[in-house]
Amino acid sequence: MSENDYKLFECMQCGFQYDEALGWPEDGIEPGTRWDDIPEDWSCPDCGAAKTDFVMVEIARP
């Protein structure tokens, strides 16, 4: 799977971005983990907002 197939999600509260290609190893989320596979009780590591407070952001990768 190419990096272009992964999506980016942004917290509407603080602007933190979760990139599926990078994951979030600090919370045990491995690179390549899809947004739908993250537990529903996961929260933003920067502000604590709920997963439901994130929106998918369209990005152009080089």
PDB file of N, CA and C in Angstrom:
ATOM      1  N   MET A   1       0.850  -1.174   0.000  1.00  0.00           N
ATOM      2  CA  MET A   1       0.000   0.000   0.000  1.00  0.00           C
ATOM      3  C   MET A   1       0.896   1.238   0.000  1.00  0.00           C
ATOM      4  N   SER A   2       0.620   2.171  -0.855  1.00  0.00           N
ATOM      5  CA  SER A   2       1.461   3.362  -0.931  1.00  0.00           C
ATOM      6  C   SER A   2       1.022   4.382   0.110  1.00  0.00           C
ATOM      7  N   GLU A   3       1.928   5.279   0.438  1.00  0.00           N
ATOM      8  CA  GLU A   3       1.626   6.318   1.414  1.00  0.00           C
ATOM      9  C   GLU A   3       0.454   7.172   0.957  1.00  0.00           C
ATOM     10  N   ASN A   4       0.246   7.284  -0.352  1.00  0.00           N
ATOM     11  CA  ASN A   4      -0.852   8.084  -0.882  1.00  0.00           C
ATOM     12  C   ASN A   4      -2.214   7.488  -0.573  1.00  0.00           C
ATOM     13  N   ASP A   5      -2.267   6.206  -0.193  1.00  0.00           N
ATOM     14  CA  ASP A   5      -3.532   5.562   0.125  1.00  0.00           C
ATOM     15  C   ASP A   5      -3.983   5.839   1.554  1.00  0.00           C
ATOM     16  N   TYR A   6      -3.110   6.387   2.364  1.00  0.00           N
ATOM     17  CA  TYR A   6      -3.450   6.662   3.755  1.00  0.00           C
ATOM     18  C   TYR A   6      -4.099   8.032   3.878  1.00  0.00           C
ATOM     19  N   LYS A   7      -4.918   8.190   4.908  1.00  0.00           N
ATOM     20  CA  LYS A   7      -5.643   9.440   5.124  1.00  0.00           C
ATOM     21  C   LYS A   7      -5.083  10.173   6.331  1.00  0.00           C
ATOM     22  N   LEU A   8      -5.428  11.446   6.400  1.00  0.00           N
ATOM     23  CA  LEU A   8      -5.015  12.315   7.487  1.00  0.00           C
ATOM     24  C   LEU A   8      -6.275  12.816   8.183  1.00  0.00           C
ATOM     25  N   PHE A   9      -6.292  12.756   9.500  1.00  0.00           N
ATOM     26  CA  PHE A   9      -7.425  13.218  10.289  1.00  0.00           C
ATOM     27  C   PHE A   9      -6.948  14.313  11.225  1.00  0.00           C
ATOM     28  N   GLU A  10      -7.774  15.368  11.361  1.00  0.00           N
ATOM     29  CA  GLU A  10      -7.378  16.517  12.168  1.00  0.00           C
ATOM     30  C   GLU A  10      -8.375  16.749  13.292  1.00  0.00           C
ATOM     31  N   CYS A  11      -7.851  17.011  14.488  1.00  0.00           N
ATOM     32  CA  CYS A  11      -8.692  17.336  15.634  1.00  0.00           C
ATOM     33  C   CYS A  11      -9.297  18.720  15.412  1.00  0.00           C
ATOM     34  N   MET A  12     -10.616  18.823  15.515  1.00  0.00           N
ATOM     35  CA  MET A  12     -11.282  20.109  15.318  1.00  0.00           C
ATOM     36  C   MET A  12     -11.064  21.045  16.497  1.00  0.00           C
ATOM     37  N   GLN A  13     -10.633  20.506  17.634  1.00  0.00           N
ATOM     38  CA  GLN A  13     -10.428  21.327  18.830  1.00  0.00           C
ATOM     39  C   GLN A  13      -9.070  22.029  18.837  1.00  0.00           C
ATOM     40  N   CYS A  14      -8.006  21.281  18.476  1.00  0.00           N
ATOM     41  CA  CYS A  14      -6.665  21.865  18.625  1.00  0.00           C
ATOM     42  C   CYS A  14      -5.797  21.805  17.367  1.00  0.00           C
ATOM     43  N   GLY A  15      -6.236  21.065  16.346  1.00  0.00           N
ATOM     44  CA  GLY A  15      -5.461  20.996  15.113  1.00  0.00           C
ATOM     45  C   GLY A  15      -4.471  19.843  15.042  1.00  0.00           C
ATOM     46  N   PHE A  16      -4.377  19.008  16.099  1.00  0.00           N
ATOM     47  CA  PHE A  16      -3.511  17.828  16.052  1.00  0.00           C
ATOM     48  C   PHE A  16      -3.896  16.987  14.840  1.00  0.00           C
ATOM     49  N   GLN A  17      -2.901  16.426  14.151  1.00  0.00           N
ATOM     50  CA  GLN A  17      -3.175  15.605  12.971  1.00  0.00           C
ATOM     51  C   GLN A  17      -2.725  14.171  13.187  1.00  0.00           C
ATOM     52  N   TYR A  18      -3.635  13.241  12.890  1.00  0.00           N
ATOM     53  CA  TYR A  18      -3.305  11.819  12.913  1.00  0.00           C
ATOM     54  C   TYR A  18      -3.149  11.366  11.472  1.00  0.00           C
ATOM     55  N   ASP A  19      -1.979  10.885  11.132  1.00  0.00           N
ATOM     56  CA  ASP A  19      -1.667  10.398   9.792  1.00  0.00           C
ATOM     57  C   ASP A  19      -1.636   8.875   9.846  1.00  0.00           C
ATOM     58  N   GLU A  20      -2.525   8.229   9.089  1.00  0.00           N
ATOM     59  CA  GLU A  20      -2.579   6.768   9.096  1.00  0.00           C
ATOM     60  C   GLU A  20      -1.236   6.149   8.718  1.00  0.00           C
ATOM     61  N   ALA A  21      -0.491   6.795   7.834  1.00  0.00           N
ATOM     62  CA  ALA A  21       0.802   6.257   7.399  1.00  0.00           C
ATOM     63  C   ALA A  21       1.810   6.217   8.548  1.00  0.00           C
ATOM     64  N   LEU A  22       1.718   7.182   9.458  1.00  0.00           N
ATOM     65  CA  LEU A  22       2.678   7.290  10.557  1.00  0.00           C
ATOM     66  C   LEU A  22       2.201   6.630  11.841  1.00  0.00           C
ATOM     67  N   GLY A  23       0.880   6.500  11.991  1.00  0.00           N
ATOM     68  CA  GLY A  23       0.336   5.975  13.238  1.00  0.00           C
ATOM     69  C   GLY A  23       0.618   6.937  14.383  1.00  0.00           C
ATOM     70  N   TRP A  24       0.565   6.412  15.610  1.00  0.00           N
ATOM     71  CA  TRP A  24       0.913   7.211  16.783  1.00  0.00           C
ATOM     72  C   TRP A  24       1.525   6.273  17.811  1.00  0.00           C
ATOM     73  N   PRO A  25       2.798   5.886  17.572  1.00  0.00           N
ATOM     74  CA  PRO A  25       3.466   4.899  18.424  1.00  0.00           C
ATOM     75  C   PRO A  25       3.454   5.241  19.916  1.00  0.00           C
ATOM     76  N   GLU A  26       3.400   6.528  20.255  1.00  0.00           N
ATOM     77  CA  GLU A  26       3.374   6.940  21.659  1.00  0.00           C
ATOM     78  C   GLU A  26       2.167   6.360  22.389  1.00  0.00           C
ATOM     79  N   ASP A  27       1.081   6.093  21.643  1.00  0.00           N
ATOM     80  CA  ASP A  27      -0.134   5.495  22.206  1.00  0.00           C
ATOM     81  C   ASP A  27      -0.287   4.040  21.782  1.00  0.00           C
ATOM     82  N   GLY A  28       0.775   3.462  21.221  1.00  0.00           N
ATOM     83  CA  GLY A  28       0.711   2.063  20.810  1.00  0.00           C
ATOM     84  C   GLY A  28       0.010   1.832  19.489  1.00  0.00           C
ATOM     85  N   ILE A  29      -0.164   2.899  18.696  1.00  0.00           N
ATOM     86  CA  ILE A  29      -0.820   2.779  17.392  1.00  0.00           C
ATOM     87  C   ILE A  29       0.268   2.713  16.325  1.00  0.00           C
ATOM     88  N   GLU A  30       0.417   1.549  15.739  1.00  0.00           N
ATOM     89  CA  GLU A  30       1.490   1.290  14.785  1.00  0.00           C
ATOM     90  C   GLU A  30       1.292   2.053  13.474  1.00  0.00           C
ATOM     91  N   PRO A  31       2.394   2.403  12.777  1.00  0.00           N
ATOM     92  CA  PRO A  31       2.281   3.000  11.441  1.00  0.00           C
ATOM     93  C   PRO A  31       1.432   2.105  10.543  1.00  0.00           C
ATOM     94  N   GLY A  32       0.581   2.742   9.745  1.00  0.00           N
ATOM     95  CA  GLY A  32      -0.296   2.001   8.844  1.00  0.00           C
ATOM     96  C   GLY A  32      -1.644   1.656   9.453  1.00  0.00           C
ATOM     97  N   THR A  33      -1.881   2.054  10.706  1.00  0.00           N
ATOM     98  CA  THR A  33      -3.161   1.766  11.360  1.00  0.00           C
ATOM     99  C   THR A  33      -4.236   2.692  10.818  1.00  0.00           C
ATOM    100  N   ARG A  34      -5.285   2.092  10.283  1.00  0.00           N
ATOM    101  CA  ARG A  34      -6.407   2.862   9.744  1.00  0.00           C
ATOM    102  C   ARG A  34      -7.200   3.511  10.872  1.00  0.00           C
ATOM    103  N   TRP A  35      -7.780   4.656  10.562  1.00  0.00           N
ATOM    104  CA  TRP A  35      -8.581   5.405  11.526  1.00  0.00           C
ATOM    105  C   TRP A  35      -9.691   4.536  12.112  1.00  0.00           C
ATOM    106  N   ASP A  36     -10.338   3.761  11.273  1.00  0.00           N
ATOM    107  CA  ASP A  36     -11.435   2.906  11.734  1.00  0.00           C
ATOM    108  C   ASP A  36     -10.965   1.820  12.697  1.00  0.00           C
ATOM    109  N   ASP A  37      -9.676   1.516  12.703  1.00  0.00           N
ATOM    110  CA  ASP A  37      -9.136   0.475  13.576  1.00  0.00           C
ATOM    111  C   ASP A  37      -8.652   1.003  14.931  1.00  0.00           C
ATOM    112  N   ILE A  38      -8.693   2.312  15.102  1.00  0.00           N
ATOM    113  CA  ILE A  38      -8.318   2.910  16.385  1.00  0.00           C
ATOM    114  C   ILE A  38      -9.521   2.776  17.324  1.00  0.00           C
ATOM    115  N   PRO A  39      -9.289   2.379  18.577  1.00  0.00           N
ATOM    116  CA  PRO A  39     -10.411   2.220  19.517  1.00  0.00           C
ATOM    117  C   PRO A  39     -11.256   3.491  19.631  1.00  0.00           C
ATOM    118  N   GLU A  40     -12.558   3.310  19.794  1.00  0.00           N
ATOM    119  CA  GLU A  40     -13.480   4.447  19.882  1.00  0.00           C
ATOM    120  C   GLU A  40     -13.208   5.320  21.106  1.00  0.00           C
ATOM    121  N   ASP A  41     -12.581   4.755  22.142  1.00  0.00           N
ATOM    122  CA  ASP A  41     -12.321   5.539  23.352  1.00  0.00           C
ATOM    123  C   ASP A  41     -10.975   6.273  23.303  1.00  0.00           C
ATOM    124  N   TRP A  42     -10.272   6.177  22.153  1.00  0.00           N
ATOM    125  CA  TRP A  42      -9.015   6.904  21.983  1.00  0.00           C
ATOM    126  C   TRP A  42      -9.328   8.395  21.982  1.00  0.00           C
ATOM    127  N   SER A  43      -8.414   9.203  22.512  1.00  0.00           N
ATOM    128  CA  SER A  43      -8.620  10.647  22.523  1.00  0.00           C
ATOM    129  C   SER A  43      -7.370  11.359  22.027  1.00  0.00           C
ATOM    130  N   CYS A  44      -7.558  12.591  21.629  1.00  0.00           N
ATOM    131  CA  CYS A  44      -6.463  13.408  21.106  1.00  0.00           C
ATOM    132  C   CYS A  44      -5.345  13.496  22.143  1.00  0.00           C
ATOM    133  N   PRO A  45      -4.111  13.172  21.752  1.00  0.00           N
ATOM    134  CA  PRO A  45      -3.003  13.243  22.708  1.00  0.00           C
ATOM    135  C   PRO A  45      -2.636  14.671  23.115  1.00  0.00           C
ATOM    136  N   ASP A  46      -3.054  15.658  22.334  1.00  0.00           N
ATOM    137  CA  ASP A  46      -2.715  17.040  22.674  1.00  0.00           C
ATOM    138  C   ASP A  46      -3.754  17.713  23.568  1.00  0.00           C
ATOM    139  N   CYS A  47      -5.061  17.485  23.286  1.00  0.00           N
ATOM    140  CA  CYS A  47      -6.087  18.211  24.044  1.00  0.00           C
ATOM    141  C   CYS A  47      -7.119  17.310  24.713  1.00  0.00           C
ATOM    142  N   GLY A  48      -7.082  16.009  24.435  1.00  0.00           N
ATOM    143  CA  GLY A  48      -8.014  15.089  25.070  1.00  0.00           C
ATOM    144  C   GLY A  48      -9.372  14.990  24.400  1.00  0.00           C
ATOM    145  N   ALA A  49      -9.547  15.638  23.248  1.00  0.00           N
ATOM    146  CA  ALA A  49     -10.828  15.569  22.539  1.00  0.00           C
ATOM    147  C   ALA A  49     -11.116  14.134  22.100  1.00  0.00           C
ATOM    148  N   ALA A  50     -12.387  13.813  21.994  1.00  0.00           N
ATOM    149  CA  ALA A  50     -12.812  12.476  21.589  1.00  0.00           C
ATOM    150  C   ALA A  50     -12.490  12.217  20.119  1.00  0.00           C
ATOM    151  N   LYS A  51     -12.396  10.949  19.782  1.00  0.00           N
ATOM    152  CA  LYS A  51     -12.142  10.548  18.390  1.00  0.00           C
ATOM    153  C   LYS A  51     -13.197  11.140  17.457  1.00  0.00           C
ATOM    154  N   THR A  52     -14.417  11.301  17.949  1.00  0.00           N
ATOM    155  CA  THR A  52     -15.500  11.853  17.128  1.00  0.00           C
ATOM    156  C   THR A  52     -15.289  13.327  16.805  1.00  0.00           C
ATOM    157  N   ASP A  53     -14.335  13.982  17.478  1.00  0.00           N
ATOM    158  CA  ASP A  53     -14.041  15.389  17.216  1.00  0.00           C
ATOM    159  C   ASP A  53     -12.989  15.582  16.128  1.00  0.00           C
ATOM    160  N   PHE A  54     -12.654  14.506  15.411  1.00  0.00           N
ATOM    161  CA  PHE A  54     -11.693  14.580  14.318  1.00  0.00           C
ATOM    162  C   PHE A  54     -12.434  14.575  12.986  1.00  0.00           C
ATOM    163  N   VAL A  55     -11.851  15.238  11.990  1.00  0.00           N
ATOM    164  CA  VAL A  55     -12.386  15.226  10.631  1.00  0.00           C
ATOM    165  C   VAL A  55     -11.290  14.767   9.678  1.00  0.00           C
ATOM    166  N   MET A  56     -11.696  14.103   8.605  1.00  0.00           N
ATOM    167  CA  MET A  56     -10.739  13.665   7.596  1.00  0.00           C
ATOM    168  C   MET A  56     -10.344  14.873   6.763  1.00  0.00           C
ATOM    169  N   VAL A  57      -9.057  15.012   6.527  1.00  0.00           N
ATOM    170  CA  VAL A  57      -8.517  16.138   5.777  1.00  0.00           C
ATOM    171  C   VAL A  57      -7.906  15.606   4.487  1.00  0.00           C
ATOM    172  N   GLU A  58      -8.276  16.190   3.366  1.00  0.00           N
ATOM    173  CA  GLU A  58      -7.680  15.820   2.080  1.00  0.00           C
ATOM    174  C   GLU A  58      -6.309  16.467   1.986  1.00  0.00           C
ATOM    175  N   ILE A  59      -5.303  15.665   1.691  1.00  0.00           N
ATOM    176  CA  ILE A  59      -3.959  16.212   1.541  1.00  0.00           C
ATOM    177  C   ILE A  59      -3.347  15.715   0.243  1.00  0.00           C
ATOM    178  N   ALA A  60      -2.454  16.507  -0.276  1.00  0.00           N
ATOM    179  CA  ALA A  60      -1.702  16.094  -1.459  1.00  0.00           C
ATOM    180  C   ALA A  60      -0.312  15.726  -0.982  1.00  0.00           C
ATOM    181  N   ARG A  61       0.076  14.498  -1.238  1.00  0.00           N
ATOM    182  CA  ARG A  61       1.417  14.063  -0.841  1.00  0.00           C
ATOM    183  C   ARG A  61       2.339  14.215  -2.041  1.00  0.00           C
ATOM    184  N   PRO A  62       3.586  14.634  -1.762  1.00  0.00           N
ATOM    185  CA  PRO A  62       4.539  14.810  -2.862  1.00  0.00           C
ATOM    186  C   PRO A  62       4.850  13.506  -3.561  1.00  0.00           C
TER     187      PRO A  62
END
